Amino acid sequence: MKLYPLFCCIVFSLSLLSAAEEPGGPWKEERSDENLSIFSREVPGTDIREVKATALMPGTIKEAVDIIFDRKNHPGNMPYITKSVVISKDDKCDVSYNIISPPVASNRDYLVRSCAEKESSQETKLWWETATHPDYPETDANVRVKVNKGYYIFRQIEPDKLLVDYYIYTDPGGSLPIFVKNIANRTGVSDVLESLEKTIQKRRKK
């Protein structure tokens, strides 16, 4: 793949993201290579930074969305997740309880409501937000993640090529230093996107 067409796609994609989000600080480039660019920026009133990324990968929208909603197979497919349970589900959304084991901190857990919205035949947005459920209260076993929102935008730019926008704003909670939390969030973004691409290829081999 030539870098110039990829660069144009990424610039166009990021311009759409910037226009859609609330005003904040300037975006800072954290990583940029042929298939992945990551940016972060300050959020007024907090030291936790927003993170967004744009990636190119082989695949289809259906494959990507199916993987995100395949909660029972997230352990082993998606980074850090050791348990994922679907609490409720309809034709567009699910609510799930998840436990993660990050490499530099104690276990965390969180509940999220995730929904997929088809914008066109070539674009789907999958967003999530923090949820609660009486059957899954906070316990001493895990640190509860209370701030967690974001989205994917999957665009089919070729029959077997996805342009993926990924945005997340989350506070891992606990007593970790702020700089560690921000590093972990940036690293998590690249890990998630790389795992998504690997899982698409793995499922095709079955």
N, C-alpha and C. Protein backbone atom coordinates (compact mmCIF):
# COMPACT_ATOMS: atom_id res chain seq x y z
N MET A 1 0.83 -1.19 0.00
CA MET A 1 0.00 0.00 0.00
C MET A 1 0.87 1.24 0.00
N LYS A 2 0.50 2.23 -0.81
CA LYS A 2 1.27 3.45 -0.85
C LYS A 2 0.86 4.35 0.32
N LEU A 3 1.83 5.04 0.85
CA LEU A 3 1.60 5.84 2.03
C LEU A 3 0.73 7.05 1.74
N TYR A 4 0.85 7.65 0.55
CA TYR A 4 0.11 8.88 0.27
C TYR A 4 -1.40 8.70 0.34
N PRO A 5 -1.99 7.68 -0.33
CA PRO A 5 -3.43 7.48 -0.18
C PRO A 5 -3.83 7.22 1.26
N LEU A 6 -3.02 6.47 2.01
CA LEU A 6 -3.32 6.20 3.40
C LEU A 6 -3.34 7.50 4.19
N PHE A 7 -2.37 8.35 3.97
CA PHE A 7 -2.30 9.62 4.68
C PHE A 7 -3.54 10.46 4.42
N CYS A 8 -3.99 10.49 3.18
CA CYS A 8 -5.19 11.27 2.84
C CYS A 8 -6.41 10.73 3.57
N CYS A 9 -6.54 9.40 3.63
CA CYS A 9 -7.67 8.79 4.33
C CYS A 9 -7.65 9.14 5.80
N ILE A 10 -6.46 9.09 6.42
CA ILE A 10 -6.35 9.37 7.84
C ILE A 10 -6.67 10.83 8.13
N VAL A 11 -6.15 11.75 7.33
CA VAL A 11 -6.43 13.17 7.54
C VAL A 11 -7.92 13.44 7.43
N PHE A 12 -8.56 12.87 6.43
CA PHE A 12 -10.00 13.05 6.25
C PHE A 12 -10.76 12.48 7.43
N SER A 13 -10.37 11.29 7.89
CA SER A 13 -11.05 10.63 9.00
C SER A 13 -10.90 11.43 10.28
N LEU A 14 -9.70 11.91 10.56
CA LEU A 14 -9.47 12.68 11.78
C LEU A 14 -10.22 14.00 11.75
N SER A 15 -10.37 14.60 10.59
CA SER A 15 -11.11 15.85 10.50
C SER A 15 -12.57 15.64 10.86
N LEU A 16 -13.14 14.49 10.47
CA LEU A 16 -14.51 14.18 10.84
C LEU A 16 -14.62 13.98 12.34
N LEU A 17 -13.65 13.27 12.94
CA LEU A 17 -13.67 13.05 14.38
C LEU A 17 -13.60 14.38 15.13
N SER A 18 -12.71 15.25 14.72
CA SER A 18 -12.53 16.51 15.42
C SER A 18 -13.79 17.36 15.35
N ALA A 19 -14.44 17.31 14.19
CA ALA A 19 -15.66 18.11 14.04
C ALA A 19 -16.78 17.58 14.91
N ALA A 20 -16.78 16.27 15.19
CA ALA A 20 -17.89 15.64 15.90
C ALA A 20 -17.73 15.74 17.42
N GLU A 21 -16.54 16.01 17.92
CA GLU A 21 -16.31 15.98 19.35
C GLU A 21 -16.40 17.38 19.95
N GLU A 22 -16.64 17.42 21.26
CA GLU A 22 -16.70 18.69 21.95
C GLU A 22 -15.31 19.34 21.96
N PRO A 23 -15.29 20.69 21.99
CA PRO A 23 -14.00 21.37 22.00
C PRO A 23 -13.17 20.99 23.22
N GLY A 24 -11.89 20.82 23.04
CA GLY A 24 -10.97 20.53 24.12
C GLY A 24 -9.63 21.12 23.77
N GLY A 25 -8.58 20.60 24.38
CA GLY A 25 -7.24 21.05 24.06
C GLY A 25 -6.81 20.55 22.69
N PRO A 26 -5.66 21.00 22.21
CA PRO A 26 -5.16 20.54 20.91
C PRO A 26 -4.75 19.07 20.98
N TRP A 27 -4.95 18.36 19.89
CA TRP A 27 -4.55 16.96 19.82
C TRP A 27 -3.04 16.88 19.63
N LYS A 28 -2.41 15.99 20.36
CA LYS A 28 -0.97 15.75 20.27
C LYS A 28 -0.73 14.38 19.66
N GLU A 29 0.09 14.34 18.63
CA GLU A 29 0.41 13.05 18.00
C GLU A 29 1.32 12.24 18.93
N GLU A 30 0.90 11.02 19.21
CA GLU A 30 1.66 10.13 20.09
C GLU A 30 2.39 9.04 19.31
N ARG A 31 1.81 8.67 18.17
CA ARG A 31 2.40 7.61 17.36
C ARG A 31 1.87 7.73 15.95
N SER A 32 2.74 7.48 14.97
CA SER A 32 2.27 7.51 13.59
C SER A 32 3.14 6.58 12.75
N ASP A 33 2.52 5.60 12.12
CA ASP A 33 3.22 4.76 11.16
C ASP A 33 2.27 4.49 9.99
N GLU A 34 2.61 3.54 9.16
CA GLU A 34 1.86 3.37 7.92
C GLU A 34 0.41 3.01 8.14
N ASN A 35 0.12 2.24 9.18
CA ASN A 35 -1.24 1.73 9.37
C ASN A 35 -1.91 2.18 10.66
N LEU A 36 -1.24 2.98 11.48
CA LEU A 36 -1.83 3.40 12.75
C LEU A 36 -1.31 4.76 13.17
N SER A 37 -2.24 5.65 13.54
CA SER A 37 -1.89 6.94 14.11
C SER A 37 -2.67 7.13 15.40
N ILE A 38 -2.00 7.59 16.46
CA ILE A 38 -2.61 7.77 17.77
C ILE A 38 -2.38 9.20 18.23
N PHE A 39 -3.44 9.82 18.78
CA PHE A 39 -3.38 11.18 19.29
C PHE A 39 -4.00 11.22 20.68
N SER A 40 -3.58 12.19 21.48
CA SER A 40 -4.22 12.41 22.77
C SER A 40 -4.35 13.90 23.00
N ARG A 41 -5.23 14.28 23.94
CA ARG A 41 -5.36 15.70 24.27
C ARG A 41 -5.89 15.85 25.69
N GLU A 42 -5.67 17.03 26.25
CA GLU A 42 -6.13 17.34 27.59
C GLU A 42 -7.63 17.55 27.60
N VAL A 43 -8.24 17.25 28.75
CA VAL A 43 -9.66 17.49 28.97
C VAL A 43 -9.79 18.50 30.09
N PRO A 44 -10.50 19.60 29.88
CA PRO A 44 -10.63 20.62 30.93
C PRO A 44 -11.15 20.01 32.24
N GLY A 45 -10.51 20.34 33.34
CA GLY A 45 -10.96 19.91 34.65
C GLY A 45 -10.42 18.58 35.12
N THR A 46 -9.58 17.93 34.30
CA THR A 46 -9.02 16.64 34.70
C THR A 46 -7.65 16.46 34.06
N ASP A 47 -6.84 15.60 34.66
CA ASP A 47 -5.52 15.31 34.09
C ASP A 47 -5.54 14.08 33.18
N ILE A 48 -6.67 13.37 33.13
CA ILE A 48 -6.80 12.22 32.23
C ILE A 48 -7.02 12.72 30.81
N ARG A 49 -6.27 12.19 29.86
CA ARG A 49 -6.34 12.64 28.48
C ARG A 49 -7.28 11.77 27.65
N GLU A 50 -7.96 12.40 26.71
CA GLU A 50 -8.68 11.66 25.68
C GLU A 50 -7.67 11.05 24.72
N VAL A 51 -8.02 9.92 24.15
CA VAL A 51 -7.16 9.27 23.16
C VAL A 51 -8.00 8.89 21.94
N LYS A 52 -7.46 9.13 20.75
CA LYS A 52 -8.13 8.66 19.55
C LYS A 52 -7.08 8.11 18.59
N ALA A 53 -7.53 7.25 17.71
CA ALA A 53 -6.61 6.61 16.77
C ALA A 53 -7.34 6.36 15.46
N THR A 54 -6.54 6.24 14.41
CA THR A 54 -7.05 5.82 13.11
C THR A 54 -6.16 4.69 12.62
N ALA A 55 -6.78 3.61 12.18
CA ALA A 55 -6.02 2.44 11.74
C ALA A 55 -6.59 1.89 10.45
N LEU A 56 -5.73 1.29 9.66
CA LEU A 56 -6.13 0.54 8.48
C LEU A 56 -5.87 -0.93 8.74
N MET A 57 -6.82 -1.78 8.38
CA MET A 57 -6.62 -3.22 8.58
C MET A 57 -7.47 -4.00 7.59
N PRO A 58 -7.06 -5.22 7.26
CA PRO A 58 -7.91 -6.08 6.44
C PRO A 58 -9.16 -6.46 7.23
N GLY A 59 -10.29 -6.58 6.54
CA GLY A 59 -11.49 -7.01 7.24
C GLY A 59 -12.73 -6.36 6.68
N THR A 60 -13.86 -6.75 7.25
CA THR A 60 -15.16 -6.17 6.90
C THR A 60 -15.82 -5.62 8.15
N ILE A 61 -16.78 -4.74 7.96
CA ILE A 61 -17.52 -4.17 9.09
C ILE A 61 -18.17 -5.27 9.90
N LYS A 62 -18.81 -6.24 9.23
CA LYS A 62 -19.49 -7.31 9.95
C LYS A 62 -18.53 -8.10 10.82
N GLU A 63 -17.35 -8.42 10.29
CA GLU A 63 -16.38 -9.16 11.08
C GLU A 63 -15.99 -8.38 12.34
N ALA A 64 -15.73 -7.10 12.18
CA ALA A 64 -15.30 -6.29 13.31
C ALA A 64 -16.40 -6.16 14.37
N VAL A 65 -17.62 -5.86 13.93
CA VAL A 65 -18.73 -5.70 14.88
C VAL A 65 -19.03 -7.03 15.59
N ASP A 66 -19.01 -8.12 14.85
CA ASP A 66 -19.25 -9.44 15.47
C ASP A 66 -18.24 -9.74 16.56
N ILE A 67 -16.98 -9.37 16.34
CA ILE A 67 -15.94 -9.62 17.34
C ILE A 67 -16.18 -8.79 18.59
N ILE A 68 -16.56 -7.53 18.43
CA ILE A 68 -16.79 -6.68 19.60
C ILE A 68 -17.94 -7.22 20.44
N PHE A 69 -18.98 -7.75 19.82
CA PHE A 69 -20.13 -8.25 20.57
C PHE A 69 -19.99 -9.72 20.97
N ASP A 70 -18.93 -10.36 20.58
CA ASP A 70 -18.70 -11.76 20.96
C ASP A 70 -18.02 -11.79 22.33
N ARG A 71 -18.77 -11.42 23.35
CA ARG A 71 -18.20 -11.22 24.69
C ARG A 71 -17.56 -12.48 25.25
N LYS A 72 -18.17 -13.63 25.05
CA LYS A 72 -17.65 -14.84 25.68
C LYS A 72 -16.25 -15.18 25.21
N ASN A 73 -15.88 -14.70 24.02
CA ASN A 73 -14.54 -14.97 23.50
C ASN A 73 -13.58 -13.79 23.65
N HIS A 74 -13.99 -12.75 24.37
CA HIS A 74 -13.06 -11.65 24.61
C HIS A 74 -11.83 -12.09 25.38
N PRO A 75 -11.97 -12.90 26.43
CA PRO A 75 -10.74 -13.43 27.05
C PRO A 75 -9.96 -14.26 26.02
N GLY A 76 -8.75 -13.88 25.79
CA GLY A 76 -7.95 -14.57 24.77
C GLY A 76 -7.92 -13.85 23.44
N ASN A 77 -8.94 -13.03 23.17
CA ASN A 77 -8.98 -12.27 21.92
C ASN A 77 -8.68 -10.79 22.13
N MET A 78 -9.29 -10.20 23.15
CA MET A 78 -9.11 -8.78 23.42
C MET A 78 -8.16 -8.60 24.60
N PRO A 79 -7.28 -7.61 24.53
CA PRO A 79 -6.23 -7.47 25.54
C PRO A 79 -6.77 -7.22 26.95
N TYR A 80 -6.15 -7.90 27.90
CA TYR A 80 -6.36 -7.71 29.34
C TYR A 80 -7.67 -8.27 29.88
N ILE A 81 -8.65 -8.57 29.02
CA ILE A 81 -9.94 -9.01 29.52
C ILE A 81 -9.85 -10.47 29.97
N THR A 82 -10.24 -10.72 31.21
CA THR A 82 -10.24 -12.08 31.75
C THR A 82 -11.64 -12.64 31.93
N LYS A 83 -12.64 -11.77 31.92
CA LYS A 83 -14.03 -12.21 32.05
C LYS A 83 -14.94 -11.19 31.39
N SER A 84 -15.93 -11.66 30.64
CA SER A 84 -16.90 -10.78 30.02
C SER A 84 -18.26 -11.48 29.99
N VAL A 85 -19.24 -10.87 30.61
CA VAL A 85 -20.57 -11.48 30.76
C VAL A 85 -21.61 -10.54 30.19
N VAL A 86 -22.47 -11.03 29.31
CA VAL A 86 -23.57 -10.23 28.77
C VAL A 86 -24.72 -10.28 29.77
N ILE A 87 -25.13 -9.10 30.24
CA ILE A 87 -26.22 -9.00 31.20
C ILE A 87 -27.56 -8.87 30.49
N SER A 88 -27.59 -8.07 29.43
CA SER A 88 -28.80 -7.90 28.63
C SER A 88 -28.41 -7.60 27.20
N LYS A 89 -29.33 -7.86 26.27
CA LYS A 89 -28.99 -7.69 24.85
C LYS A 89 -30.26 -7.52 24.05
N ASP A 90 -30.22 -6.63 23.05
CA ASP A 90 -31.27 -6.54 22.05
C ASP A 90 -30.63 -6.51 20.67
N ASP A 91 -31.38 -6.12 19.65
CA ASP A 91 -30.83 -6.22 18.30
C ASP A 91 -29.77 -5.18 17.99
N LYS A 92 -29.59 -4.17 18.86
CA LYS A 92 -28.61 -3.12 18.59
C LYS A 92 -27.57 -2.96 19.70
N CYS A 93 -27.95 -3.26 20.93
CA CYS A 93 -27.10 -2.96 22.08
C CYS A 93 -26.95 -4.16 23.00
N ASP A 94 -25.89 -4.13 23.80
CA ASP A 94 -25.80 -5.04 24.93
C ASP A 94 -25.23 -4.31 26.14
N VAL A 95 -25.47 -4.87 27.31
CA VAL A 95 -24.87 -4.41 28.55
C VAL A 95 -24.01 -5.55 29.06
N SER A 96 -22.76 -5.26 29.36
CA SER A 96 -21.85 -6.32 29.77
C SER A 96 -21.06 -5.94 31.02
N TYR A 97 -20.68 -6.98 31.77
CA TYR A 97 -19.80 -6.83 32.92
C TYR A 97 -18.46 -7.45 32.55
N ASN A 98 -17.38 -6.73 32.82
CA ASN A 98 -16.06 -7.16 32.38
C ASN A 98 -15.03 -7.01 33.49
N ILE A 99 -14.08 -7.94 33.52
CA ILE A 99 -12.94 -7.85 34.42
C ILE A 99 -11.68 -7.82 33.56
N ILE A 100 -10.79 -6.89 33.87
CA ILE A 100 -9.53 -6.81 33.15
C ILE A 100 -8.36 -6.95 34.12
N SER A 101 -7.28 -7.49 33.60
CA SER A 101 -6.05 -7.67 34.38
C SER A 101 -4.93 -6.91 33.68
N PRO A 102 -4.80 -5.60 33.93
CA PRO A 102 -3.78 -4.82 33.24
C PRO A 102 -2.38 -5.19 33.72
N PRO A 103 -1.38 -4.96 32.89
CA PRO A 103 -0.03 -5.42 33.23
C PRO A 103 0.64 -4.69 34.38
N VAL A 104 0.24 -3.45 34.67
CA VAL A 104 0.94 -2.67 35.69
C VAL A 104 0.05 -2.28 36.86
N ALA A 105 -1.07 -2.96 37.03
CA ALA A 105 -1.99 -2.58 38.10
C ALA A 105 -2.83 -3.78 38.52
N SER A 106 -3.55 -3.61 39.62
CA SER A 106 -4.45 -4.67 40.09
C SER A 106 -5.66 -4.77 39.17
N ASN A 107 -6.44 -5.83 39.32
CA ASN A 107 -7.59 -6.05 38.46
C ASN A 107 -8.61 -4.92 38.56
N ARG A 108 -9.20 -4.62 37.42
CA ARG A 108 -10.29 -3.65 37.33
C ARG A 108 -11.54 -4.36 36.82
N ASP A 109 -12.72 -3.78 37.15
CA ASP A 109 -13.95 -4.25 36.53
C ASP A 109 -14.80 -3.06 36.12
N TYR A 110 -15.70 -3.31 35.18
CA TYR A 110 -16.55 -2.23 34.69
C TYR A 110 -17.77 -2.81 34.00
N LEU A 111 -18.82 -2.00 33.95
CA LEU A 111 -20.02 -2.32 33.21
C LEU A 111 -20.19 -1.28 32.11
N VAL A 112 -20.54 -1.74 30.91
CA VAL A 112 -20.75 -0.82 29.80
C VAL A 112 -21.99 -1.21 29.00
N ARG A 113 -22.63 -0.20 28.46
CA ARG A 113 -23.68 -0.39 27.45
C ARG A 113 -23.06 -0.05 26.11
N SER A 114 -23.11 -0.98 25.17
CA SER A 114 -22.50 -0.81 23.85
C SER A 114 -23.57 -0.95 22.78
N CYS A 115 -23.54 -0.07 21.80
CA CYS A 115 -24.56 -0.08 20.75
C CYS A 115 -23.91 0.12 19.38
N ALA A 116 -24.43 -0.58 18.38
CA ALA A 116 -23.96 -0.43 17.01
C ALA A 116 -25.03 0.28 16.19
N GLU A 117 -24.63 1.32 15.47
CA GLU A 117 -25.54 2.08 14.64
C GLU A 117 -25.01 2.11 13.22
N LYS A 118 -25.77 1.58 12.29
CA LYS A 118 -25.37 1.56 10.89
C LYS A 118 -25.66 2.91 10.26
N GLU A 119 -24.61 3.63 9.89
CA GLU A 119 -24.77 4.95 9.28
C GLU A 119 -25.07 4.85 7.78
N SER A 120 -24.48 3.84 7.14
CA SER A 120 -24.71 3.58 5.72
C SER A 120 -24.23 2.17 5.43
N SER A 121 -24.32 1.75 4.18
CA SER A 121 -23.84 0.42 3.83
C SER A 121 -22.34 0.28 4.01
N GLN A 122 -21.64 1.41 4.07
CA GLN A 122 -20.19 1.41 4.15
C GLN A 122 -19.67 1.95 5.49
N GLU A 123 -20.54 2.19 6.45
CA GLU A 123 -20.09 2.79 7.71
C GLU A 123 -20.99 2.39 8.87
N THR A 124 -20.37 1.97 9.96
CA THR A 124 -21.08 1.64 11.20
C THR A 124 -20.34 2.26 12.37
N LYS A 125 -21.10 2.87 13.28
CA LYS A 125 -20.53 3.40 14.51
C LYS A 125 -20.92 2.50 15.66
N LEU A 126 -19.94 2.11 16.47
CA LEU A 126 -20.19 1.28 17.65
C LEU A 126 -19.68 2.07 18.86
N TRP A 127 -20.59 2.49 19.71
CA TRP A 127 -20.22 3.34 20.84
C TRP A 127 -20.55 2.66 22.16
N TRP A 128 -19.90 3.14 23.21
CA TRP A 128 -20.19 2.58 24.53
C TRP A 128 -20.14 3.67 25.59
N GLU A 129 -20.81 3.38 26.73
CA GLU A 129 -20.84 4.29 27.86
C GLU A 129 -20.94 3.46 29.14
N THR A 130 -20.57 4.08 30.24
CA THR A 130 -20.62 3.39 31.52
C THR A 130 -22.05 3.00 31.87
N ALA A 131 -22.21 1.81 32.44
CA ALA A 131 -23.52 1.33 32.86
C ALA A 131 -23.45 0.88 34.32
N THR A 132 -24.60 0.61 34.90
CA THR A 132 -24.68 0.06 36.25
C THR A 132 -25.70 -1.08 36.24
N HIS A 133 -25.60 -1.96 37.23
CA HIS A 133 -26.57 -3.05 37.36
C HIS A 133 -26.55 -3.52 38.81
N PRO A 134 -27.72 -3.72 39.40
CA PRO A 134 -27.76 -4.11 40.83
C PRO A 134 -27.11 -5.45 41.13
N ASP A 135 -27.04 -6.32 40.14
CA ASP A 135 -26.42 -7.63 40.38
C ASP A 135 -24.90 -7.57 40.34
N TYR A 136 -24.33 -6.42 39.96
CA TYR A 136 -22.87 -6.29 39.86
C TYR A 136 -22.40 -5.04 40.61
N PRO A 137 -22.53 -5.05 41.94
CA PRO A 137 -22.07 -3.89 42.72
C PRO A 137 -20.55 -3.88 42.84
N GLU A 138 -20.03 -2.75 43.29
CA GLU A 138 -18.60 -2.67 43.57
C GLU A 138 -18.24 -3.61 44.72
N THR A 139 -17.07 -4.23 44.61
CA THR A 139 -16.56 -5.08 45.67
C THR A 139 -15.09 -4.77 45.90
N ASP A 140 -14.53 -5.36 46.95
CA ASP A 140 -13.11 -5.18 47.22
C ASP A 140 -12.23 -6.02 46.30
N ALA A 141 -12.83 -6.90 45.53
CA ALA A 141 -12.04 -7.81 44.68
C ALA A 141 -11.39 -7.08 43.51
N ASN A 142 -12.05 -6.02 43.01
CA ASN A 142 -11.54 -5.29 41.86
C ASN A 142 -11.75 -3.80 42.05
N VAL A 143 -10.93 -3.00 41.35
CA VAL A 143 -11.15 -1.56 41.31
C VAL A 143 -12.19 -1.27 40.23
N ARG A 144 -13.26 -0.58 40.60
CA ARG A 144 -14.32 -0.29 39.65
C ARG A 144 -13.95 0.91 38.76
N VAL A 145 -14.01 0.70 37.45
CA VAL A 145 -13.79 1.78 36.48
C VAL A 145 -15.13 2.50 36.28
N LYS A 146 -15.18 3.76 36.66
CA LYS A 146 -16.43 4.51 36.63
C LYS A 146 -16.51 5.48 35.46
N VAL A 147 -15.38 5.78 34.86
CA VAL A 147 -15.36 6.68 33.69
C VAL A 147 -14.88 5.88 32.49
N ASN A 148 -15.75 5.66 31.54
CA ASN A 148 -15.40 4.83 30.39
C ASN A 148 -16.40 5.08 29.27
N LYS A 149 -16.00 5.85 28.28
CA LYS A 149 -16.86 6.08 27.13
C LYS A 149 -15.99 6.13 25.87
N GLY A 150 -16.60 5.81 24.75
CA GLY A 150 -15.84 5.86 23.51
C GLY A 150 -16.62 5.29 22.35
N TYR A 151 -15.93 5.11 21.24
CA TYR A 151 -16.58 4.55 20.06
C TYR A 151 -15.56 4.06 19.06
N TYR A 152 -16.03 3.18 18.20
CA TYR A 152 -15.37 2.83 16.95
C TYR A 152 -16.23 3.38 15.81
N ILE A 153 -15.58 3.82 14.73
CA ILE A 153 -16.28 4.04 13.47
C ILE A 153 -15.58 3.15 12.44
N PHE A 154 -16.33 2.20 11.91
CA PHE A 154 -15.79 1.27 10.91
C PHE A 154 -16.25 1.72 9.53
N ARG A 155 -15.29 1.98 8.64
CA ARG A 155 -15.61 2.37 7.26
C ARG A 155 -15.01 1.36 6.30
N GLN A 156 -15.85 0.84 5.41
CA GLN A 156 -15.40 -0.11 4.40
C GLN A 156 -14.88 0.67 3.20
N ILE A 157 -13.56 0.84 3.11
CA ILE A 157 -13.01 1.67 2.03
C ILE A 157 -12.63 0.83 0.81
N GLU A 158 -12.49 -0.48 1.01
CA GLU A 158 -12.29 -1.44 -0.07
C GLU A 158 -13.01 -2.72 0.35
N PRO A 159 -13.25 -3.67 -0.58
CA PRO A 159 -13.99 -4.88 -0.21
C PRO A 159 -13.40 -5.63 0.99
N ASP A 160 -12.10 -5.58 1.19
CA ASP A 160 -11.49 -6.26 2.34
C ASP A 160 -10.53 -5.33 3.07
N LYS A 161 -10.93 -4.07 3.23
CA LYS A 161 -10.08 -3.13 3.95
C LYS A 161 -10.95 -2.17 4.76
N LEU A 162 -10.63 -2.08 6.05
CA LEU A 162 -11.35 -1.20 6.96
C LEU A 162 -10.50 0.00 7.34
N LEU A 163 -11.13 1.17 7.38
CA LEU A 163 -10.57 2.34 8.03
C LEU A 163 -11.30 2.47 9.36
N VAL A 164 -10.56 2.36 10.46
CA VAL A 164 -11.16 2.32 11.79
C VAL A 164 -10.76 3.56 12.58
N ASP A 165 -11.76 4.31 13.01
CA ASP A 165 -11.54 5.39 13.98
C ASP A 165 -11.90 4.85 15.36
N TYR A 166 -11.04 5.13 16.33
CA TYR A 166 -11.25 4.62 17.68
C TYR A 166 -11.02 5.78 18.65
N TYR A 167 -12.00 6.03 19.52
CA TYR A 167 -11.89 7.11 20.51
C TYR A 167 -12.24 6.55 21.88
N ILE A 168 -11.48 6.96 22.90
CA ILE A 168 -11.79 6.53 24.26
C ILE A 168 -11.41 7.60 25.26
N TYR A 169 -12.27 7.74 26.27
CA TYR A 169 -11.95 8.55 27.43
C TYR A 169 -12.28 7.71 28.66
N THR A 170 -11.26 7.33 29.39
CA THR A 170 -11.47 6.46 30.55
C THR A 170 -10.46 6.77 31.63
N ASP A 171 -10.90 6.61 32.87
CA ASP A 171 -10.02 6.71 34.03
C ASP A 171 -9.96 5.32 34.65
N PRO A 172 -8.79 4.68 34.64
CA PRO A 172 -8.68 3.32 35.19
C PRO A 172 -8.96 3.24 36.68
N GLY A 173 -9.04 4.38 37.35
CA GLY A 173 -9.33 4.39 38.77
C GLY A 173 -8.14 3.96 39.62
N GLY A 174 -8.37 3.88 40.91
CA GLY A 174 -7.30 3.46 41.81
C GLY A 174 -6.30 4.58 42.06
N SER A 175 -5.17 4.20 42.65
CA SER A 175 -4.18 5.19 43.08
C SER A 175 -2.98 5.30 42.14
N LEU A 176 -3.12 4.83 40.91
CA LEU A 176 -2.02 4.95 39.95
C LEU A 176 -1.70 6.41 39.68
N PRO A 177 -0.43 6.75 39.50
CA PRO A 177 -0.09 8.13 39.11
C PRO A 177 -0.75 8.48 37.77
N ILE A 178 -1.06 9.76 37.60
CA ILE A 178 -1.75 10.20 36.39
C ILE A 178 -0.96 9.84 35.13
N PHE A 179 0.36 10.02 35.17
CA PHE A 179 1.14 9.75 33.96
C PHE A 179 1.08 8.27 33.59
N VAL A 180 0.99 7.40 34.61
CA VAL A 180 0.87 5.97 34.33
C VAL A 180 -0.49 5.67 33.70
N LYS A 181 -1.54 6.30 34.21
CA LYS A 181 -2.87 6.09 33.63
C LYS A 181 -2.90 6.52 32.16
N ASN A 182 -2.30 7.67 31.86
CA ASN A 182 -2.32 8.16 30.48
C ASN A 182 -1.49 7.28 29.55
N ILE A 183 -0.35 6.80 30.03
CA ILE A 183 0.45 5.87 29.22
C ILE A 183 -0.33 4.58 28.98
N ALA A 184 -0.98 4.08 30.03
CA ALA A 184 -1.75 2.84 29.90
C ALA A 184 -2.89 3.00 28.91
N ASN A 185 -3.55 4.15 28.92
CA ASN A 185 -4.65 4.39 27.98
C ASN A 185 -4.16 4.42 26.54
N ARG A 186 -3.03 5.08 26.30
CA ARG A 186 -2.49 5.12 24.93
C ARG A 186 -2.06 3.73 24.47
N THR A 187 -1.39 3.01 25.37
CA THR A 187 -0.95 1.65 25.01
C THR A 187 -2.14 0.75 24.76
N GLY A 188 -3.19 0.91 25.57
CA GLY A 188 -4.37 0.09 25.41
C GLY A 188 -5.04 0.27 24.06
N VAL A 189 -5.02 1.50 23.53
CA VAL A 189 -5.63 1.76 22.23
C VAL A 189 -4.93 0.96 21.13
N SER A 190 -3.62 1.01 21.09
CA SER A 190 -2.91 0.26 20.06
C SER A 190 -3.08 -1.24 20.27
N ASP A 191 -3.10 -1.69 21.52
CA ASP A 191 -3.29 -3.12 21.79
C ASP A 191 -4.66 -3.60 21.32
N VAL A 192 -5.68 -2.79 21.56
CA VAL A 192 -7.04 -3.18 21.15
C VAL A 192 -7.13 -3.29 19.63
N LEU A 193 -6.61 -2.30 18.92
CA LEU A 193 -6.71 -2.30 17.46
C LEU A 193 -5.88 -3.44 16.85
N GLU A 194 -4.71 -3.70 17.40
CA GLU A 194 -3.90 -4.81 16.90
C GLU A 194 -4.57 -6.15 17.19
N SER A 195 -5.20 -6.28 18.36
CA SER A 195 -5.90 -7.52 18.68
C SER A 195 -7.12 -7.73 17.79
N LEU A 196 -7.81 -6.64 17.47
CA LEU A 196 -8.96 -6.75 16.57
C LEU A 196 -8.54 -7.28 15.21
N GLU A 197 -7.46 -6.75 14.67
CA GLU A 197 -6.97 -7.22 13.38
C GLU A 197 -6.55 -8.69 13.45
N LYS A 198 -5.84 -9.06 14.50
CA LYS A 198 -5.41 -10.45 14.64
C LYS A 198 -6.59 -11.41 14.79
N THR A 199 -7.62 -10.96 15.51
CA THR A 199 -8.79 -11.82 15.72
C THR A 199 -9.56 -12.03 14.43
N ILE A 200 -9.66 -10.99 13.60
CA ILE A 200 -10.30 -11.16 12.29
C ILE A 200 -9.60 -12.26 11.50
N GLN A 201 -8.27 -12.21 11.47
CA GLN A 201 -7.52 -13.21 10.72
C GLN A 201 -7.64 -14.60 11.36
N LYS A 202 -7.64 -14.65 12.67
CA LYS A 202 -7.76 -15.93 13.36
C LYS A 202 -9.10 -16.60 13.09
N ARG A 203 -10.17 -15.82 13.12
CA ARG A 203 -11.50 -16.38 12.87
C ARG A 203 -11.65 -16.87 11.44
N ARG A 204 -10.94 -16.25 10.51
CA ARG A 204 -11.04 -16.69 9.12
C ARG A 204 -10.39 -18.06 8.90
N LYS A 205 -9.47 -18.43 9.76
CA LYS A 205 -8.76 -19.69 9.61
C LYS A 205 -9.52 -20.88 10.20
N LYS A 206 -10.59 -20.59 10.93
CA LYS A 206 -11.34 -21.69 11.56
C LYS A 206 -12.16 -22.46 10.54
